[in-house]
PDB file of N, CA and C in Angstrom:
ATOM      1  N   MET A   1      -1.096  -3.537  12.480  1.00  0.00           N
ATOM      2  CA  MET A   1      -1.356  -2.733  11.121  1.00  0.00           C
ATOM      3  C   MET A   1      -1.449  -1.205  11.762  1.00  0.00           C
ATOM      4  N   LYS A   2      -0.336  -0.717  10.888  1.00  0.00           N
ATOM      5  CA  LYS A   2      -0.487   0.875  10.658  1.00  0.00           C
ATOM      6  C   LYS A   2      -0.780   1.459   9.088  1.00  0.00           C
ATOM      7  N   ILE A   3      -1.617   2.364   9.268  1.00  0.00           N
ATOM      8  CA  ILE A   3      -1.790   2.862   7.649  1.00  0.00           C
ATOM      9  C   ILE A   3      -1.255   4.295   7.988  1.00  0.00           C
ATOM     10  N   TYR A   4      -0.212   4.690   6.913  1.00  0.00           N
ATOM     11  CA  TYR A   4       0.060   6.104   6.853  1.00  0.00           C
ATOM     12  C   TYR A   4      -0.210   6.707   5.824  1.00  0.00           C
ATOM     13  N   GLY A   5      -0.394   7.741   5.506  1.00  0.00           N
ATOM     14  CA  GLY A   5      -0.818   8.655   4.252  1.00  0.00           C
ATOM     15  C   GLY A   5      -0.597  10.061   4.469  1.00  0.00           C
ATOM     16  N   GLN A   6      -0.810  10.630   3.368  1.00  0.00           N
ATOM     17  CA  GLN A   6      -0.083  11.861   3.037  1.00  0.00           C
ATOM     18  C   GLN A   6      -1.145  12.864   2.339  1.00  0.00           C
ATOM     19  N   ALA A   7      -1.450  13.802   2.950  1.00  0.00           N
ATOM     20  CA  ALA A   7      -2.138  15.092   2.228  1.00  0.00           C
ATOM     21  C   ALA A   7      -1.777  15.329   1.094  1.00  0.00           C
ATOM     22  N   GLN A   8      -2.829  15.515   0.068  1.00  0.00           N
ATOM     23  CA  GLN A   8      -2.414  16.044  -1.715  1.00  0.00           C
ATOM     24  C   GLN A   8      -1.557  17.083  -1.150  1.00  0.00           C
ATOM     25  N   LYS A   9      -1.795  18.416  -0.295  1.00  0.00           N
ATOM     26  CA  LYS A   9      -1.293  19.342  -0.255  1.00  0.00           C
ATOM     27  C   LYS A   9       0.031  19.421   0.426  1.00  0.00           C
ATOM     28  N   ASN A  10       0.281  18.475   1.393  1.00  0.00           N
ATOM     29  CA  ASN A  10       1.465  18.015   2.171  1.00  0.00           C
ATOM     30  C   ASN A  10       2.113  16.815   1.831  1.00  0.00           C
ATOM     31  N   GLU A  11       2.713  16.802   0.932  1.00  0.00           N
ATOM     32  CA  GLU A  11       3.158  15.317   0.720  1.00  0.00           C
ATOM     33  C   GLU A  11       4.531  15.347   1.452  1.00  0.00           C
ATOM     34  N   ALA A  12       5.115  16.161   2.003  1.00  0.00           N
ATOM     35  CA  ALA A  12       6.350  15.778   3.248  1.00  0.00           C
ATOM     36  C   ALA A  12       6.013  14.740   4.066  1.00  0.00           C
ATOM     37  N   GLU A  13       4.780  14.886   4.772  1.00  0.00           N
ATOM     38  CA  GLU A  13       4.674  14.460   5.980  1.00  0.00           C
ATOM     39  C   GLU A  13       3.986  13.552   5.758  1.00  0.00           C
ATOM     40  N   LEU A  14       4.497  11.909   6.321  1.00  0.00           N
ATOM     41  CA  LEU A  14       3.311  10.973   6.813  1.00  0.00           C
ATOM     42  C   LEU A  14       2.693  11.122   7.714  1.00  0.00           C
ATOM     43  N   GLU A  15       1.862  10.613   8.020  1.00  0.00           N
ATOM     44  CA  GLU A  15       0.699  10.739   8.897  1.00  0.00           C
ATOM     45  C   GLU A  15       0.136   9.422   9.217  1.00  0.00           C
ATOM     46  N   ILE A  16      -0.067   8.842  10.727  1.00  0.00           N
ATOM     47  CA  ILE A  16      -0.520   7.636  10.705  1.00  0.00           C
ATOM     48  C   ILE A  16      -2.513   8.243  10.753  1.00  0.00           C
ATOM     49  N   LEU A  17      -2.856   7.267  10.057  1.00  0.00           N
ATOM     50  CA  LEU A  17      -4.541   7.630   9.769  1.00  0.00           C
ATOM     51  C   LEU A  17      -5.143   7.071  10.600  1.00  0.00           C
ATOM     52  N   ALA A  18      -6.239   7.052  11.233  1.00  0.00           N
ATOM     53  CA  ALA A  18      -7.410   6.187  11.930  1.00  0.00           C
ATOM     54  C   ALA A  18      -8.329   5.620  10.946  1.00  0.00           C
ATOM     55  N   GLU A  19      -8.300   6.208   9.813  1.00  0.00           N
ATOM     56  CA  GLU A  19      -9.392   5.673   8.990  1.00  0.00           C
ATOM     57  C   GLU A  19      -8.946   6.007   7.537  1.00  0.00           C
ATOM     58  N   ALA A  20      -9.219   4.934   6.708  1.00  0.00           N
ATOM     59  CA  ALA A  20      -9.023   5.109   5.327  1.00  0.00           C
ATOM     60  C   ALA A  20     -10.552   4.877   4.540  1.00  0.00           C
ATOM     61  N   ALA A  21     -10.802   5.381   3.387  1.00  0.00           N
ATOM     62  CA  ALA A  21     -12.085   4.983   2.621  1.00  0.00           C
ATOM     63  C   ALA A  21     -11.552   4.838   1.104  1.00  0.00           C
ATOM     64  N   LEU A  22     -11.705   3.784   0.834  1.00  0.00           N
ATOM     65  CA  LEU A  22     -11.480   3.428  -0.606  1.00  0.00           C
ATOM     66  C   LEU A  22     -13.065   3.260  -1.551  1.00  0.00           C
ATOM     67  N   VAL A  23     -12.941   4.175  -2.573  1.00  0.00           N
ATOM     68  CA  VAL A  23     -13.945   4.141  -3.318  1.00  0.00           C
ATOM     69  C   VAL A  23     -13.278   3.638  -4.736  1.00  0.00           C
ATOM     70  N   ALA A  24     -13.838   2.582  -5.253  1.00  0.00           N
ATOM     71  CA  ALA A  24     -13.300   2.017  -6.421  1.00  0.00           C
ATOM     72  C   ALA A  24     -14.170   0.876  -7.035  1.00  0.00           C
ATOM     73  N   GLU A  25     -14.538   0.848  -8.151  1.00  0.00           N
ATOM     74  CA  GLU A  25     -15.176  -0.339  -8.996  1.00  0.00           C
ATOM     75  C   GLU A  25     -14.421  -1.697  -8.452  1.00  0.00           C
ATOM     76  N   PRO A  26     -15.247  -2.795  -8.474  1.00  0.00           N
ATOM     77  CA  PRO A  26     -15.103  -3.878  -8.121  1.00  0.00           C
ATOM     78  C   PRO A  26     -13.907  -4.541  -8.859  1.00  0.00           C
ATOM     79  N   SER A  27     -13.633  -4.079  -9.886  1.00  0.00           N
ATOM     80  CA  SER A  27     -12.286  -4.430 -11.294  1.00  0.00           C
ATOM     81  C   SER A  27     -11.356  -4.372 -10.057  1.00  0.00           C
ATOM     82  N   THR A  28     -11.266  -3.195  -9.881  1.00  0.00           N
ATOM     83  CA  THR A  28      -9.974  -1.975  -9.094  1.00  0.00           C
ATOM     84  C   THR A  28      -9.864  -3.213  -7.348  1.00  0.00           C
ATOM     85  N   LEU A  29     -10.571  -3.293  -7.079  1.00  0.00           N
ATOM     86  CA  LEU A  29     -10.678  -3.916  -5.464  1.00  0.00           C
ATOM     87  C   LEU A  29     -10.198  -5.167  -5.621  1.00  0.00           C
ATOM     88  N   ARG A  30     -10.907  -5.734  -6.752  1.00  0.00           N
ATOM     89  CA  ARG A  30      -9.981  -7.257  -6.924  1.00  0.00           C
ATOM     90  C   ARG A  30      -8.688  -7.322  -6.994  1.00  0.00           C
ATOM     91  N   ASP A  31      -8.022  -6.266  -7.546  1.00  0.00           N
ATOM     92  CA  ASP A  31      -6.521  -6.052  -8.284  1.00  0.00           C
ATOM     93  C   ASP A  31      -5.732  -5.703  -7.278  1.00  0.00           C
ATOM     94  N   LEU A  32      -5.997  -4.731  -6.391  1.00  0.00           N
ATOM     95  CA  LEU A  32      -6.201  -4.173  -5.145  1.00  0.00           C
ATOM     96  C   LEU A  32      -5.609  -5.779  -4.005  1.00  0.00           C
ATOM     97  N   ALA A  33      -7.071  -6.443  -4.006  1.00  0.00           N
ATOM     98  CA  ALA A  33      -6.788  -7.466  -3.015  1.00  0.00           C
ATOM     99  C   ALA A  33      -5.803  -8.634  -3.838  1.00  0.00           C
ATOM    100  N   SER A  34      -5.593  -8.798  -4.930  1.00  0.00           N
ATOM    101  CA  SER A  34      -4.552  -9.633  -5.250  1.00  0.00           C
ATOM    102  C   SER A  34      -2.939  -9.159  -5.317  1.00  0.00           C
ATOM    103  N   PHE A  35      -3.231  -7.844  -5.217  1.00  0.00           N
ATOM    104  CA  PHE A  35      -1.834  -7.092  -4.849  1.00  0.00           C
ATOM    105  C   PHE A  35      -1.166  -7.587  -3.727  1.00  0.00           C
ATOM    106  N   LEU A  36      -2.504  -7.217  -2.765  1.00  0.00           N
ATOM    107  CA  LEU A  36      -1.933  -7.677  -1.328  1.00  0.00           C
ATOM    108  C   LEU A  36      -1.566  -9.303  -0.659  1.00  0.00           C
ATOM    109  N   TYR A  37      -2.435 -10.036  -1.479  1.00  0.00           N
ATOM    110  CA  TYR A  37      -1.690 -11.385  -1.539  1.00  0.00           C
ATOM    111  C   TYR A  37      -0.554 -11.867  -2.032  1.00  0.00           C
ATOM    112  N   ARG A  38      -0.348 -11.269  -2.957  1.00  0.00           N
ATOM    113  CA  ARG A  38       1.229 -11.031  -3.560  1.00  0.00           C
ATOM    114  C   ARG A  38       2.158 -10.569  -2.640  1.00  0.00           C
ATOM    115  N   CYS A  39       2.197  -9.548  -1.970  1.00  0.00           N
ATOM    116  CA  CYS A  39       2.918  -9.064  -1.338  1.00  0.00           C
ATOM    117  C   CYS A  39       3.163  -9.653   0.340  1.00  0.00           C
ATOM    118  N   ALA A  40       2.104 -10.103   0.691  1.00  0.00           N
ATOM    119  CA  ALA A  40       2.104 -10.878   2.077  1.00  0.00           C
ATOM    120  C   ALA A  40       2.869 -12.319   1.597  1.00  0.00           C
ATOM    121  N   ASP A  41       2.508 -12.863   0.175  1.00  0.00           N
ATOM    122  CA  ASP A  41       3.409 -13.987  -0.360  1.00  0.00           C
ATOM    123  C   ASP A  41       4.941 -13.726  -0.021  1.00  0.00           C
ATOM    124  N   ALA A  42       4.877 -12.400  -0.875  1.00  0.00           N
ATOM    125  CA  ALA A  42       6.782 -12.015  -0.973  1.00  0.00           C
ATOM    126  C   ALA A  42       7.371 -11.918   0.222  1.00  0.00           C
ATOM    127  N   ILE A  43       6.561 -11.263   1.493  1.00  0.00           N
ATOM    128  CA  ILE A  43       7.243 -11.144   2.702  1.00  0.00           C
ATOM    129  C   ILE A  43       7.690 -12.498   3.266  1.00  0.00           C
ATOM    130  N   GLU A  44       6.840 -13.495   3.189  1.00  0.00           N
ATOM    131  CA  GLU A  44       6.640 -14.792   3.859  1.00  0.00           C
ATOM    132  C   GLU A  44       8.052 -15.885   2.889  1.00  0.00           C
ATOM    133  N   GLU A  45       8.023 -15.509   1.842  1.00  0.00           N
ATOM    134  CA  GLU A  45       9.030 -16.069   1.121  1.00  0.00           C
ATOM    135  C   GLU A  45      10.405 -15.560   0.802  1.00  0.00           C
ATOM    136  N   GLU A  46      10.693 -14.147   0.792  1.00  0.00           N
ATOM    137  CA  GLU A  46      11.436 -13.517   0.750  1.00  0.00           C
ATOM    138  C   GLU A  46      12.228 -12.874   2.061  1.00  0.00           C
ATOM    139  N   GLY A  47      11.505 -12.863   3.144  1.00  0.00           N
ATOM    140  CA  GLY A  47      11.924 -12.238   4.211  1.00  0.00           C
ATOM    141  C   GLY A  47      12.356 -10.567   4.346  1.00  0.00           C
ATOM    142  N   GLU A  48      13.196 -10.268   5.154  1.00  0.00           N
ATOM    143  CA  GLU A  48      14.168  -9.012   5.325  1.00  0.00           C
ATOM    144  C   GLU A  48      14.298  -8.904   3.607  1.00  0.00           C
ATOM    145  N   SER A  49      14.725  -9.666   2.608  1.00  0.00           N
ATOM    146  CA  SER A  49      14.991  -9.031   1.480  1.00  0.00           C
ATOM    147  C   SER A  49      14.204  -8.287   0.684  1.00  0.00           C
ATOM    148  N   TRP A  50      12.872  -8.594   0.897  1.00  0.00           N
ATOM    149  CA  TRP A  50      11.465  -7.820   0.361  1.00  0.00           C
ATOM    150  C   TRP A  50      11.627  -6.828   1.048  1.00  0.00           C
ATOM    151  N   GLU A  51      11.353  -5.412   0.722  1.00  0.00           N
ATOM    152  CA  GLU A  51      10.933  -3.889   1.229  1.00  0.00           C
ATOM    153  C   GLU A  51       9.566  -3.514   1.120  1.00  0.00           C
ATOM    154  N   HIS A  52       9.521  -3.541  -0.230  1.00  0.00           N
ATOM    155  CA  HIS A  52       7.826  -2.977  -0.500  1.00  0.00           C
ATOM    156  C   HIS A  52       8.008  -2.868  -1.636  1.00  0.00           C
ATOM    157  N   GLU A  53       6.486  -2.296  -1.961  1.00  0.00           N
ATOM    158  CA  GLU A  53       5.867  -2.700  -3.529  1.00  0.00           C
ATOM    159  C   GLU A  53       4.919  -1.781  -3.771  1.00  0.00           C
ATOM    160  N   HIS A  54       4.906  -1.233  -5.176  1.00  0.00           N
ATOM    161  CA  HIS A  54       3.809  -0.221  -5.598  1.00  0.00           C
ATOM    162  C   HIS A  54       2.454  -0.772  -6.248  1.00  0.00           C
ATOM    163  N   PHE A  55       1.397  -0.542  -5.883  1.00  0.00           N
ATOM    164  CA  PHE A  55       0.262  -0.800  -6.366  1.00  0.00           C
ATOM    165  C   PHE A  55       0.255   0.112  -7.646  1.00  0.00           C
ATOM    166  N   GLU A  56      -0.154  -0.724  -8.783  1.00  0.00           N
ATOM    167  CA  GLU A  56      -0.310   0.233  -9.898  1.00  0.00           C
ATOM    168  C   GLU A  56      -1.775  -0.111 -10.457  1.00  0.00           C
ATOM    169  N   SER A  57      -2.402   0.825 -10.497  1.00  0.00           N
ATOM    170  CA  SER A  57      -3.864   1.018 -11.369  1.00  0.00           C
ATOM    171  C   SER A  57      -3.791   0.933 -12.417  1.00  0.00           C
ATOM    172  N   ASN A  58      -4.865   0.555 -13.171  1.00  0.00           N
ATOM    173  CA  ASN A  58      -5.104   0.681 -14.762  1.00  0.00           C
ATOM    174  C   ASN A  58      -5.757   1.727 -15.000  1.00  0.00           C
ATOM    175  N   GLU A  59      -6.029   3.092 -13.749  1.00  0.00           N
ATOM    176  CA  GLU A  59      -6.968   4.089 -13.741  1.00  0.00           C
ATOM    177  C   GLU A  59      -5.756   4.984 -14.238  1.00  0.00           C
ATOM    178  N   ALA A  60      -6.469   6.128 -14.850  1.00  0.00           N
ATOM    179  CA  ALA A  60      -5.515   7.115 -15.395  1.00  0.00           C
ATOM    180  C   ALA A  60      -4.985   8.073 -14.407  1.00  0.00           C
ATOM    181  N   VAL A  61      -5.952   8.043 -13.318  1.00  0.00           N
ATOM    182  CA  VAL A  61      -4.916   8.856 -12.303  1.00  0.00           C
ATOM    183  C   VAL A  61      -5.453   8.083 -11.207  1.00  0.00           C
ATOM    184  N   SER A  62      -4.794   7.961  -9.938  1.00  0.00           N
ATOM    185  CA  SER A  62      -4.558   7.217  -9.111  1.00  0.00           C
ATOM    186  C   SER A  62      -3.659   7.325  -7.831  1.00  0.00           C
ATOM    187  N   PRO A  63      -4.247   7.144  -6.661  1.00  0.00           N
ATOM    188  CA  PRO A  63      -3.555   7.422  -5.280  1.00  0.00           C
ATOM    189  C   PRO A  63      -2.092   6.525  -5.656  1.00  0.00           C
ATOM    190  N   HIS A  64      -1.112   6.816  -4.891  1.00  0.00           N
ATOM    191  CA  HIS A  64      -0.207   5.894  -4.291  1.00  0.00           C
ATOM    192  C   HIS A  64      -0.345   4.828  -3.542  1.00  0.00           C
ATOM    193  N   PHE A  65      -0.371   3.846  -3.567  1.00  0.00           N
ATOM    194  CA  PHE A  65      -0.658   3.151  -2.637  1.00  0.00           C
ATOM    195  C   PHE A  65       0.704   2.038  -2.717  1.00  0.00           C
ATOM    196  N   VAL A  66       1.429   1.932  -1.123  1.00  0.00           N
ATOM    197  CA  VAL A  66       2.655   1.168  -0.906  1.00  0.00           C
ATOM    198  C   VAL A  66       2.528   0.302   0.083  1.00  0.00           C
ATOM    199  N   VAL A  67       2.867  -0.745   0.037  1.00  0.00           N
ATOM    200  CA  VAL A  67       3.232  -2.030   1.234  1.00  0.00           C
ATOM    201  C   VAL A  67       4.364  -2.111   1.524  1.00  0.00           C
ATOM    202  N   PHE A  68       4.810  -1.916   2.709  1.00  0.00           N
ATOM    203  CA  PHE A  68       6.405  -1.635   3.365  1.00  0.00           C
ATOM    204  C   PHE A  68       6.417  -3.340   4.121  1.00  0.00           C
ATOM    205  N   ASN A  69       7.334  -4.137   4.199  1.00  0.00           N
ATOM    206  CA  ASN A  69       7.313  -4.978   4.832  1.00  0.00           C
ATOM    207  C   ASN A  69       8.104  -4.466   6.230  1.00  0.00           C
ATOM    208  N   PRO A  70       7.163  -5.117   7.260  1.00  0.00           N
ATOM    209  CA  PRO A  70       7.060  -4.259   8.947  1.00  0.00           C
ATOM    210  C   PRO A  70       8.604  -4.913   9.626  1.00  0.00           C
ATOM    211  N   GLY A  71       9.141  -5.809   8.988  1.00  0.00           N
ATOM    212  CA  GLY A  71      10.450  -6.443   9.494  1.00  0.00           C
ATOM    213  C   GLY A  71      11.569  -5.752   8.692  1.00  0.00           C
ATOM    214  N   VAL A  72      11.773  -4.695   8.000  1.00  0.00           N
ATOM    215  CA  VAL A  72      12.483  -4.151   7.726  1.00  0.00           C
ATOM    216  C   VAL A  72      12.420  -2.487   7.638  1.00  0.00           C
ATOM    217  N   VAL A  73      11.077  -1.908   8.047  1.00  0.00           N
ATOM    218  CA  VAL A  73      10.643  -0.632   7.988  1.00  0.00           C
ATOM    219  C   VAL A  73      10.410  -0.289   9.552  1.00  0.00           C
ATOM    220  N   SER A  74      11.324   0.650  10.073  1.00  0.00           N
ATOM    221  CA  SER A  74      10.907   0.924  11.513  1.00  0.00           C
ATOM    222  C   SER A  74       9.597   2.242  11.180  1.00  0.00           C
ATOM    223  N   THR A  75       8.693   1.718  12.762  1.00  0.00           N
ATOM    224  CA  THR A  75       7.544   2.631  12.352  1.00  0.00           C
ATOM    225  C   THR A  75       7.469   3.232  13.831  1.00  0.00           C
TER     226      THR A  75
END
């Protein structure tokens, strides 16, 4: 597993992160966990035809969280 990220000030460059911290309410964490399960299921069921999915939070302002299929994205 690799975690990539972008700084708010420099959105052009992706960097491999050594650590990520989530600060979220339990309901948002459950929504994120459910999203990750759906992504895993889609990768297994659709294979290389599934590329990526964006997590959409119910919060007014939220960071972008995207899951990519490792079978179709070179890292």
